C-alpha atoms as a PDB file:
ATOM      1  CA  ILE A   1     104.321  63.988  83.476  1.00  0.00           C
ATOM      2  CA  ARG A   2     102.287  62.928  86.471  1.00  0.00           C
ATOM      3  CA  ALA A   3      99.092  60.981  86.010  1.00  0.00           C
ATOM      4  CA  PRO A   4      96.067  62.615  87.617  1.00  0.00           C
ATOM      5  CA  PRO A   5      95.061  61.109  90.948  1.00  0.00           C
ATOM      6  CA  ARG A   6      92.334  58.524  90.782  1.00  0.00           C
ATOM      7  CA  PRO A   7      90.305  56.483  93.204  1.00  0.00           C
ATOM      8  CA  THR A   8      91.775  53.301  94.594  1.00  0.00           C
ATOM      9  CA  SER A   9      90.175  50.152  95.959  1.00  0.00           C
ATOM     10  CA  ALA A  10      90.254  48.768  99.466  1.00  0.00           C
ATOM     11  CA  TRP A  11      89.215  45.296 100.536  1.00  0.00           C
ATOM     12  CA  GLY A  12      87.261  44.731 103.686  1.00  0.00           C
ATOM     13  CA  PRO A  13      84.629  42.443 105.185  1.00  0.00           C
ATOM     14  CA  ALA A  14      82.021  43.847 102.781  1.00  0.00           C
ATOM     15  CA  GLY A  15      84.201  43.350  99.703  1.00  0.00           C
ATOM     16  CA  ARG A  16      86.042  45.747  97.403  1.00  0.00           C
ATOM     17  CA  ARG A  17      85.254  49.386  98.039  1.00  0.00           C
ATOM     18  CA  PRO A  18      86.419  52.235  95.819  1.00  0.00           C
ATOM     19  CA  GLY A  19      87.876  55.116  97.793  1.00  0.00           C
ATOM     20  CA  LEU A  20      90.294  58.001  97.818  1.00  0.00           C
ATOM     21  CA  MET A  21      93.961  57.254  98.433  1.00  0.00           C
ATOM     22  CA  ALA A  22      94.467  57.649 102.204  1.00  0.00           C
ATOM     23  CA  GLY A  23      90.921  58.914 102.472  1.00  0.00           C
ATOM     24  CA  PRO A  24      87.285  57.922 102.748  1.00  0.00           C
ATOM     25  CA  ASP A  25      85.375  55.463 100.607  1.00  0.00           C
ATOM     26  CA  LEU A  26      83.711  57.008  97.574  1.00  0.00           C
ATOM     27  CA  TRP A  27      80.236  56.243  98.901  1.00  0.00           C
ATOM     28  CA  GLU A  28      81.098  58.432 101.912  1.00  0.00           C
ATOM     29  CA  VAL A  29      82.283  61.276  99.669  1.00  0.00           C
ATOM     30  CA  VAL A  30      79.072  61.139  97.628  1.00  0.00           C
ATOM     31  CA  ALA A  31      76.862  60.941 100.735  1.00  0.00           C
ATOM     32  CA  VAL A  32      78.547  63.999 102.286  1.00  0.00           C
ATOM     33  CA  PHE A  33      78.434  65.883  98.982  1.00  0.00           C
ATOM     34  CA  ARG A  34      74.697  65.178  98.748  1.00  0.00           C
ATOM     35  CA  SER A  35      74.257  66.715 102.205  1.00  0.00           C
ATOM     36  CA  PHE A  36      76.308  69.837 101.483  1.00  0.00           C
ATOM     37  CA  GLY A  37      75.891  70.213  97.712  1.00  0.00           C
ATOM     38  CA  ASP A  38      79.270  71.958  97.643  1.00  0.00           C
ATOM     39  CA  VAL A  39      82.718  70.593  96.750  1.00  0.00           C
ATOM     40  CA  LYS A  40      84.647  72.915  99.099  1.00  0.00           C
ATOM     41  CA  ARG A  41      82.459  72.167 102.131  1.00  0.00           C
ATOM     42  CA  THR A  42      82.660  68.437 101.357  1.00  0.00           C
ATOM     43  CA  ALA A  43      86.443  68.657 101.079  1.00  0.00           C
ATOM     44  CA  ASP A  44      86.734  70.552 104.351  1.00  0.00           C
ATOM     45  CA  TRP A  45      84.413  68.136 106.180  1.00  0.00           C
ATOM     46  CA  LEU A  46      86.347  65.088 104.940  1.00  0.00           C
ATOM     47  CA  ASP A  47      89.783  66.727 105.282  1.00  0.00           C
ATOM     48  CA  GLN A  48      90.505  66.215 101.588  1.00  0.00           C
ATOM     49  CA  SER A  49      91.449  68.533  98.751  1.00  0.00           C
ATOM     50  CA  SER A  50      88.726  69.913  96.494  1.00  0.00           C
ATOM     51  CA  GLY A  51      90.519  68.166  93.637  1.00  0.00           C
ATOM     52  CA  ALA A  52      90.164  64.803  95.373  1.00  0.00           C
ATOM     53  CA  ILE A  53      86.437  65.400  95.853  1.00  0.00           C
ATOM     54  CA  GLU A  54      86.049  66.327  92.184  1.00  0.00           C
ATOM     55  CA  ILE A  55      87.864  63.116  91.187  1.00  0.00           C
ATOM     56  CA  ALA A  56      85.530  61.118  93.431  1.00  0.00           C
ATOM     57  CA  LEU A  57      82.473  62.792  91.895  1.00  0.00           C
ATOM     58  CA  ARG A  58      83.717  62.089  88.351  1.00  0.00           C
ATOM     59  CA  TYR A  59      84.196  58.434  89.316  1.00  0.00           C
ATOM     60  CA  TYR A  60      80.677  58.447  90.717  1.00  0.00           C
ATOM     61  CA  GLU A  61      79.283  59.733  87.425  1.00  0.00           C
ATOM     62  CA  GLU A  62      80.886  56.769  85.646  1.00  0.00           C
ATOM     63  CA  HIS A  63      79.963  54.172  88.303  1.00  0.00           C
ATOM     64  CA  ARG A  64      76.741  55.567  89.722  1.00  0.00           C
ATOM     65  CA  SER A  65      74.924  52.261  90.302  1.00  0.00           C
ATOM     66  CA  GLU A  66      77.889  50.732  92.178  1.00  0.00           C
ATOM     67  CA  ILE A  67      78.255  53.725  94.511  1.00  0.00           C
ATOM     68  CA  ASP A  68      74.492  54.133  94.969  1.00  0.00           C
ATOM     69  CA  ASP A  69      74.357  50.469  95.977  1.00  0.00           C
ATOM     70  CA  TRP A  70      77.042  51.066  98.652  1.00  0.00           C
ATOM     71  CA  ILE A  71      75.132  54.082  99.934  1.00  0.00           C
ATOM     72  CA  ARG A  72      71.871  52.134 100.056  1.00  0.00           C
ATOM     73  CA  ARG A  73      73.449  49.199 101.901  1.00  0.00           C
ATOM     74  CA  ASN A  74      75.085  51.489 104.450  1.00  0.00           C
ATOM     75  CA  GLU A  75      71.840  53.397 105.027  1.00  0.00           C
ATOM     76  CA  GLU A  76      69.996  50.104 105.530  1.00  0.00           C
ATOM     77  CA  ALA A  77      72.641  48.905 108.006  1.00  0.00           C
ATOM     78  CA  ALA A  78      72.448  52.194 109.928  1.00  0.00           C
ATOM     79  CA  GLU A  79      68.644  51.996 110.073  1.00  0.00           C
ATOM     80  CA  ALA A  80      68.800  48.384 111.308  1.00  0.00           C
ATOM     81  CA  ALA A  81      71.323  49.326 113.998  1.00  0.00           C
ATOM     82  CA  GLU A  82      69.102  52.216 115.090  1.00  0.00           C
ATOM     83  CA  ARG A  83      66.069  49.904 115.361  1.00  0.00           C
ATOM     84  CA  ILE A  84      68.074  47.468 117.493  1.00  0.00           C
ATOM     85  CA  ALA A  85      69.330  50.269 119.744  1.00  0.00           C
ATOM     86  CA  ARG A  86      65.798  51.638 120.223  1.00  0.00           C
ATOM     87  CA  ALA A  87      64.490  48.166 121.039  1.00  0.00           C
ATOM     88  CA  ARG A  88      67.221  47.643 123.640  1.00  0.00           C
ATOM     89  CA  HIS A  89      66.479  50.993 125.282  1.00  0.00           C
ATOM     90  CA  ALA A  90      62.740  50.305 125.317  1.00  0.00           C
ATOM     91  CA  GLY A  91      63.371  47.330 127.559  1.00  0.00           C
ATOM     92  CA  PRO A  92      60.973  44.507 128.427  1.00  0.00           C
END
């Protein structure tokens, strides 16, 4: 009997991040799923199986605040980087 696949954790500069085995972080899966609203499209976009996306979404349901915090932090970092880039292009 094989155990069902489950998310794994990766360590990086920002700390421990839950993710899919040999795939994206779970915050990325959830963010893409929110954009598409469809498991199959999310799976295709991320080059993952629909089953892997469903596993990620089940994990999200059980750890919503942790994943939402990752999404929020990444959105804030992207917005800060965009502000810096605009300021550099605006010049003196």
